[in-house]
Amino acid sequence: MRFRSLRLLVLVFVFLSLAPLQTVAQSKPAEINLSLQAPFRFIAYGDTRFTDPTDTKAADPKVRVALVQAIADAKPAFISIGGDIAYDGNKQEDWKVYDQETAVWTKSGIAIFPALGNHDLHGDQKVALGNYFARYPQIQNSRYYSVRAGNMLMITLDSNQEINSGAQFDWLKSQLAKVDSTVEFVVLVFHHPPYTSSSDDKAYGGGHSARSSEQKFAQYLEDRQKSMRARIVVFNGHVHNYEHHEHGGIHYFVTGGGGAHAYPIERRPEDLFKNNQINYHYIEVLVERGKLTTVMHRVELKDGKQTWTTPDTATFAVQEMKASATAK
């Protein structure tokens, strides 16, 4: 009897001792490896705001559906969504619309790697994160994580959290420290842009200024780029338009034209994209050996007809450590 009691106590002790280790293991950011080799293509875009299709103030449902279908037709290796996927992250109804409207992606077996936007955390954050993680089991409950795909490392961050210090920043530094000669491109995805032509004054009906935290983070990246052979490219959302900026050898793309109600903006002189129209779009990214190319695919709906154009293309060559870009 004493032996059984002692054995039970030992088992309980072992269980309690291991429990904290299990928690730590589960909270470690996912580091995902895809069986891809260059060349391959992926899609970057964001600010879809999936919600009731009758709510045309939050988003344009027809544009949203058109973009989802076009992305499916492009047959990318994967999709990177830069946040504000749902209009209200804690609402099951909004995520059910997401499930319905993106069923074509699920049917095609396209992998999706998301970043958290501010809308994805609306309401009860625990419920919102539950809705979010339920759709993306591949990221293993990670609010920030990395994906290795051939000669590219994609690092997805959560800019709703501290981005310049703490656990997330320490992890990012560890990821960049591991970049070797086999990595030619480092793609960073996070919701809030360090550079934007938009403004909080909302002179044109909506918009956001760049925040100091992301501006500080951009300075860190630009300093880091000086000592890296791999080229850094950044994709953000939050501003419901398309923008293209270059600072310190890094090109920053605002790709928030996924369907959320559009933000017309007055272009700053340093914005490489000069089109003042509404720009619903997605970005196709072609990753090759020694070269990465971005193509902005813009859609305009008029009288039920879709008109597609590609008004901005940029190419980055690792060996030159320079970028050539054209904006038409």
Protein backbone atom coordinates (compact mmCIF):
# COMPACT_ATOMS: atom_id res chain seq x y z
CA MET A 1 0.00 0.00 0.00
CA ARG A 2 2.81 2.36 0.93
CA PHE A 3 4.60 1.45 -2.31
CA ARG A 4 1.53 2.38 -4.37
CA SER A 5 1.14 5.69 -2.54
CA LEU A 6 4.80 6.50 -3.02
CA ARG A 7 4.56 5.61 -6.70
CA LEU A 8 1.51 7.86 -7.08
CA LEU A 9 3.33 10.74 -5.41
CA VAL A 10 6.30 10.27 -7.75
CA LEU A 11 4.01 10.34 -10.81
CA VAL A 12 2.30 13.51 -9.60
CA PHE A 13 5.69 15.13 -8.94
CA VAL A 14 6.94 14.20 -12.42
CA PHE A 15 3.76 15.55 -14.01
CA LEU A 16 3.98 18.86 -12.17
CA SER A 17 7.67 19.15 -12.96
CA LEU A 18 7.11 18.62 -16.68
CA ALA A 19 4.05 20.88 -16.98
CA PRO A 20 6.02 24.17 -17.13
CA LEU A 21 8.33 22.67 -19.76
CA GLN A 22 5.34 21.72 -21.90
CA THR A 23 3.95 25.23 -21.62
CA VAL A 24 7.28 26.74 -22.73
CA ALA A 25 7.48 24.36 -25.69
CA GLN A 26 3.97 25.23 -26.82
CA SER A 27 4.63 28.98 -26.61
CA LYS A 28 7.77 28.82 -28.75
CA PRO A 29 7.19 30.64 -32.06
CA ALA A 30 6.69 28.30 -35.00
CA GLU A 31 9.58 27.93 -37.44
CA ILE A 32 8.03 26.36 -40.53
CA ASN A 33 9.93 24.77 -43.40
CA LEU A 34 8.21 24.42 -46.78
CA SER A 35 9.36 21.95 -49.42
CA LEU A 36 9.87 24.64 -52.04
CA GLN A 37 12.74 25.50 -54.35
CA ALA A 38 13.14 28.61 -56.47
CA PRO A 39 11.44 29.61 -58.64
CA PHE A 40 8.12 29.86 -56.83
CA ARG A 41 5.35 32.43 -56.46
CA PHE A 42 3.36 33.64 -53.48
CA ILE A 43 0.75 36.32 -52.86
CA ALA A 44 0.96 39.19 -50.37
CA TYR A 45 -2.06 41.31 -49.53
CA GLY A 46 -4.24 42.32 -46.60
CA ASP A 47 -7.10 44.28 -45.04
CA THR A 48 -9.84 42.07 -46.38
CA ARG A 49 -12.29 42.70 -43.54
CA PHE A 50 -14.41 39.61 -44.04
CA THR A 51 -17.84 40.38 -42.65
CA ASP A 52 -21.52 40.35 -43.60
CA PRO A 53 -21.62 41.04 -47.38
CA THR A 54 -24.49 43.46 -46.84
CA ASP A 55 -22.17 45.69 -44.81
CA THR A 56 -20.73 47.76 -47.65
CA LYS A 57 -19.36 50.43 -45.30
CA ALA A 58 -16.82 48.11 -43.72
CA ALA A 59 -15.70 46.61 -47.03
CA ASP A 60 -16.58 46.12 -50.68
CA PRO A 61 -17.77 42.49 -50.78
CA LYS A 62 -17.69 42.26 -54.59
CA VAL A 63 -14.06 43.39 -54.70
CA ARG A 64 -13.18 41.04 -51.85
CA VAL A 65 -14.66 38.06 -53.69
CA ALA A 66 -13.02 39.07 -56.98
CA LEU A 67 -9.60 39.24 -55.34
CA VAL A 68 -10.01 35.88 -53.58
CA GLN A 69 -10.95 34.17 -56.86
CA ALA A 70 -8.12 35.84 -58.80
CA ILE A 71 -5.61 34.74 -56.16
CA ALA A 72 -6.93 31.17 -56.37
CA ASP A 73 -6.64 31.27 -60.15
CA ALA A 74 -3.00 32.41 -59.83
CA LYS A 75 -2.22 29.10 -58.05
CA PRO A 76 0.41 30.52 -55.66
CA ALA A 77 2.60 28.34 -53.45
CA PHE A 78 1.08 30.18 -50.48
CA ILE A 79 -0.70 33.38 -49.42
CA SER A 80 0.58 35.92 -46.88
CA ILE A 81 -2.22 38.05 -45.40
CA GLY A 82 -1.00 41.16 -43.61
CA GLY A 83 -3.76 41.53 -41.06
CA ASP A 84 -7.32 42.80 -40.59
CA ILE A 85 -8.58 39.56 -42.05
CA ALA A 86 -11.90 39.74 -40.21
CA TYR A 87 -13.75 42.97 -39.50
CA ASP A 88 -14.33 41.98 -35.87
CA GLY A 89 -12.02 39.21 -34.75
CA ASN A 90 -14.20 38.12 -31.84
CA LYS A 91 -17.28 37.57 -34.03
CA GLN A 92 -17.82 34.02 -35.21
CA GLU A 93 -20.12 35.38 -37.91
CA ASP A 94 -17.30 37.35 -39.57
CA TRP A 95 -15.02 34.31 -39.57
CA LYS A 96 -17.80 32.18 -41.06
CA VAL A 97 -17.94 34.64 -43.96
CA TYR A 98 -14.17 34.18 -44.28
CA ASP A 99 -14.66 30.41 -44.37
CA GLN A 100 -17.32 30.68 -47.05
CA GLU A 101 -15.60 33.23 -49.28
CA THR A 102 -12.17 31.56 -49.15
CA ALA A 103 -13.48 28.02 -49.63
CA VAL A 104 -11.87 28.09 -53.08
CA TRP A 105 -8.44 28.40 -51.39
CA THR A 106 -9.21 25.49 -49.10
CA LYS A 107 -10.39 23.38 -52.03
CA SER A 108 -7.17 24.19 -53.92
CA GLY A 109 -5.03 23.32 -50.89
CA ILE A 110 -3.29 26.73 -50.81
CA ALA A 111 -1.33 27.36 -47.61
CA ILE A 112 -2.11 30.60 -45.79
CA PHE A 113 0.27 32.44 -43.45
CA PRO A 114 -1.42 35.37 -41.65
CA ALA A 115 -0.31 38.34 -39.59
CA LEU A 116 -2.47 39.80 -36.84
CA GLY A 117 -4.11 43.14 -37.55
CA ASN A 118 -5.84 45.37 -35.02
CA HIS A 119 -9.29 44.29 -36.25
CA ASP A 120 -8.38 40.63 -35.76
CA LEU A 121 -8.09 41.41 -32.03
CA HIS A 122 -11.32 43.41 -31.68
CA GLY A 123 -13.52 42.58 -28.71
CA ASP A 124 -12.61 39.80 -26.32
CA GLN A 125 -9.00 39.10 -27.30
CA LYS A 126 -9.09 35.52 -26.03
CA VAL A 127 -12.12 34.78 -28.22
CA ALA A 128 -10.59 36.67 -31.15
CA LEU A 129 -7.34 34.72 -30.96
CA GLY A 130 -9.30 31.50 -30.65
CA ASN A 131 -11.11 32.29 -33.92
CA TYR A 132 -7.83 33.23 -35.58
CA PHE A 133 -5.73 30.25 -34.53
CA ALA A 134 -8.56 27.81 -35.33
CA ARG A 135 -8.22 28.75 -39.01
CA TYR A 136 -4.41 28.54 -39.14
CA PRO A 137 -3.23 25.43 -37.26
CA GLN A 138 0.00 25.51 -39.27
CA ILE A 139 1.28 28.50 -37.26
CA GLN A 140 0.92 26.54 -34.00
CA ASN A 141 -0.75 29.28 -31.92
CA SER A 142 2.15 31.65 -32.69
CA ARG A 143 1.47 35.37 -32.88
CA TYR A 144 4.82 35.69 -34.67
CA TYR A 145 6.69 33.00 -36.58
CA SER A 146 8.94 32.26 -39.56
CA VAL A 147 8.56 30.35 -42.81
CA ARG A 148 11.56 29.07 -44.79
CA ALA A 149 10.76 28.63 -48.47
CA GLY A 150 13.69 27.82 -50.74
CA ASN A 151 16.09 30.76 -50.81
CA MET A 152 13.67 33.01 -48.88
CA LEU A 153 12.97 33.43 -45.17
CA MET A 154 9.61 35.04 -44.36
CA ILE A 155 9.27 36.47 -40.86
CA THR A 156 5.75 37.39 -39.75
CA LEU A 157 5.48 39.68 -36.73
CA ASP A 158 2.66 40.99 -34.53
CA SER A 159 2.84 44.78 -34.53
CA ASN A 160 -0.02 44.94 -32.01
CA GLN A 161 2.64 43.90 -29.47
CA GLU A 162 5.96 45.51 -28.61
CA ILE A 163 8.14 45.24 -31.69
CA ASN A 164 11.39 46.92 -30.58
CA SER A 165 12.13 45.01 -27.37
CA GLY A 166 11.08 42.00 -25.38
CA ALA A 167 10.49 38.41 -26.46
CA GLN A 168 9.35 39.16 -30.00
CA PHE A 169 12.34 41.40 -30.78
CA ASP A 170 14.79 38.94 -29.21
CA TRP A 171 13.34 36.15 -31.32
CA LEU A 172 13.55 38.30 -34.48
CA LYS A 173 17.23 39.00 -33.80
CA SER A 174 17.85 35.28 -33.38
CA GLN A 175 16.17 34.63 -36.72
CA LEU A 176 18.27 37.23 -38.52
CA ALA A 177 21.43 35.91 -36.85
CA LYS A 178 20.75 32.50 -38.44
CA VAL A 179 20.51 33.87 -41.98
CA ASP A 180 23.29 32.26 -44.03
CA SER A 181 24.40 32.29 -47.67
CA THR A 182 21.51 30.02 -48.69
CA VAL A 183 19.01 32.78 -47.80
CA GLU A 184 18.90 35.44 -50.51
CA PHE A 185 15.73 37.25 -49.44
CA VAL A 186 14.28 38.07 -46.03
CA VAL A 187 10.62 39.06 -46.28
CA LEU A 188 9.03 40.70 -43.24
CA VAL A 189 5.27 40.91 -42.83
CA PHE A 190 3.52 42.95 -40.13
CA HIS A 191 0.36 45.03 -40.07
CA HIS A 192 1.31 48.64 -39.24
CA PRO A 193 3.52 50.38 -41.86
CA PRO A 194 6.69 52.33 -40.96
CA TYR A 195 6.21 54.53 -44.02
CA THR A 196 2.95 55.75 -45.54
CA SER A 197 1.47 58.59 -47.58
CA SER A 198 -1.64 58.28 -45.42
CA SER A 199 -2.43 60.37 -42.36
CA ASP A 200 -4.53 60.32 -39.22
CA ASP A 201 -6.12 63.61 -40.29
CA LYS A 202 -8.33 61.54 -42.63
CA ALA A 203 -8.65 64.45 -45.06
CA TYR A 204 -9.88 62.06 -47.73
CA GLY A 205 -12.22 60.06 -45.53
CA GLY A 206 -9.85 57.61 -43.87
CA GLY A 207 -6.23 56.82 -43.19
CA HIS A 208 -3.47 56.29 -40.65
CA SER A 209 -0.14 57.94 -39.95
CA ALA A 210 2.96 55.83 -39.40
CA ARG A 211 3.54 55.12 -35.71
CA SER A 212 6.80 55.86 -33.91
CA SER A 213 7.28 52.21 -32.92
CA GLU A 214 7.32 51.00 -36.53
CA GLN A 215 9.47 53.94 -37.61
CA LYS A 216 12.03 52.99 -34.97
CA PHE A 217 11.85 49.36 -36.08
CA ALA A 218 12.49 50.38 -39.69
CA GLN A 219 15.69 52.11 -38.60
CA TYR A 220 16.82 48.87 -36.99
CA LEU A 221 16.09 46.95 -40.21
CA GLU A 222 17.89 49.50 -42.36
CA ASP A 223 20.96 49.36 -40.13
CA ARG A 224 20.81 45.57 -40.26
CA GLN A 225 20.54 45.57 -44.05
CA LYS A 226 23.94 47.23 -44.36
CA SER A 227 25.67 44.09 -43.14
CA MET A 228 23.48 41.53 -44.89
CA ARG A 229 23.88 39.96 -48.33
CA ALA A 230 20.24 38.86 -48.25
CA ARG A 231 17.83 41.58 -49.36
CA ILE A 232 15.09 42.65 -46.95
CA VAL A 233 11.62 43.37 -48.37
CA VAL A 234 8.73 44.48 -46.14
CA PHE A 235 4.96 44.04 -46.62
CA ASN A 236 2.46 45.92 -44.44
CA GLY A 237 -1.25 46.71 -44.39
CA HIS A 238 -3.46 48.94 -42.21
CA VAL A 239 -3.73 51.66 -44.89
CA HIS A 240 -6.39 50.58 -47.38
CA ASN A 241 -4.43 51.36 -50.52
CA TYR A 242 -1.17 50.48 -52.26
CA GLU A 243 2.12 52.24 -51.55
CA HIS A 244 5.76 51.65 -52.43
CA HIS A 245 8.57 53.26 -50.44
CA GLU A 246 12.34 52.79 -50.40
CA HIS A 247 14.54 53.69 -47.43
CA GLY A 248 18.03 52.53 -46.54
CA GLY A 249 18.13 49.90 -49.26
CA ILE A 250 14.84 48.31 -48.15
CA HIS A 251 11.63 48.45 -50.15
CA TYR A 252 8.41 48.75 -48.14
CA PHE A 253 5.05 47.87 -49.67
CA VAL A 254 1.72 48.88 -48.19
CA THR A 255 -0.70 46.26 -49.48
CA GLY A 256 -3.97 47.03 -47.70
CA GLY A 257 -6.24 46.87 -50.74
CA GLY A 258 -7.86 43.51 -50.02
CA GLY A 259 -11.44 44.78 -49.88
CA ALA A 260 -11.69 47.01 -46.79
CA HIS A 261 -13.27 50.36 -47.63
CA ALA A 262 -10.69 52.30 -49.61
CA TYR A 263 -8.53 55.16 -48.32
CA PRO A 264 -7.82 57.71 -51.06
CA ILE A 265 -4.48 59.35 -50.23
CA GLU A 266 -2.33 62.22 -51.42
CA ARG A 267 1.02 60.74 -52.41
CA ARG A 268 4.12 61.96 -50.63
CA PRO A 269 7.09 62.83 -52.87
CA GLU A 270 9.04 59.80 -51.64
CA ASP A 271 6.18 57.38 -52.48
CA LEU A 272 7.35 55.55 -55.63
CA PHE A 273 3.75 54.83 -56.64
CA LYS A 274 2.01 57.99 -57.89
CA ASN A 275 -1.50 56.76 -58.69
CA ASN A 276 -4.03 58.76 -56.64
CA GLN A 277 -6.92 56.44 -57.43
CA ILE A 278 -8.48 53.80 -55.23
CA ASN A 279 -6.27 50.73 -55.50
CA TYR A 280 -7.84 47.41 -54.64
CA HIS A 281 -5.15 44.85 -55.36
CA TYR A 282 -2.89 41.97 -54.44
CA ILE A 283 0.88 41.60 -54.93
CA GLU A 284 2.30 38.62 -56.78
CA VAL A 285 5.84 37.81 -55.65
CA LEU A 286 8.11 35.73 -57.87
CA VAL A 287 11.15 34.35 -56.05
CA GLU A 288 13.98 33.15 -58.30
CA ARG A 289 17.64 32.40 -57.77
CA GLY A 290 19.28 35.75 -57.05
CA LYS A 291 16.18 37.75 -57.96
CA LEU A 292 12.81 38.67 -56.46
CA THR A 293 10.07 40.43 -58.45
CA THR A 294 6.86 42.02 -57.15
CA VAL A 295 3.89 42.70 -59.44
CA MET A 296 0.91 44.69 -58.17
CA HIS A 297 -2.36 43.37 -59.66
CA ARG A 298 -5.05 46.07 -59.49
CA VAL A 299 -8.75 45.45 -60.00
CA GLU A 300 -11.48 47.97 -60.78
CA LEU A 301 -15.15 47.00 -60.83
CA LYS A 302 -17.53 49.01 -62.98
CA ASP A 303 -21.03 47.92 -63.97
CA GLY A 304 -20.21 44.42 -62.82
CA LYS A 305 -17.15 44.17 -65.07
CA GLN A 306 -13.64 43.56 -63.73
CA THR A 307 -10.72 45.47 -65.21
CA TRP A 308 -7.26 44.21 -64.22
CA THR A 309 -3.99 46.10 -64.63
CA THR A 310 -0.41 45.76 -63.31
CA PRO A 311 0.67 49.37 -62.66
CA ASP A 312 3.70 48.71 -60.45
CA THR A 313 6.55 46.23 -60.78
CA ALA A 314 9.79 46.05 -58.78
CA THR A 315 12.80 43.74 -59.13
CA PHE A 316 15.52 43.10 -56.56
CA ALA A 317 18.83 41.41 -57.33
CA VAL A 318 20.82 40.05 -54.39
CA GLN A 319 24.27 40.25 -55.97
CA GLU A 320 23.88 43.95 -56.74
CA MET A 321 22.41 44.90 -53.36
CA LYS A 322 20.28 47.39 -55.26
CA ALA A 323 16.71 47.49 -56.47
CA SER A 324 15.26 48.67 -59.74
CA ALA A 325 11.67 49.73 -59.68
CA THR A 326 9.19 51.07 -62.20
CA ALA A 327 5.89 52.77 -61.45
CA LYS A 328 3.67 53.49 -64.41
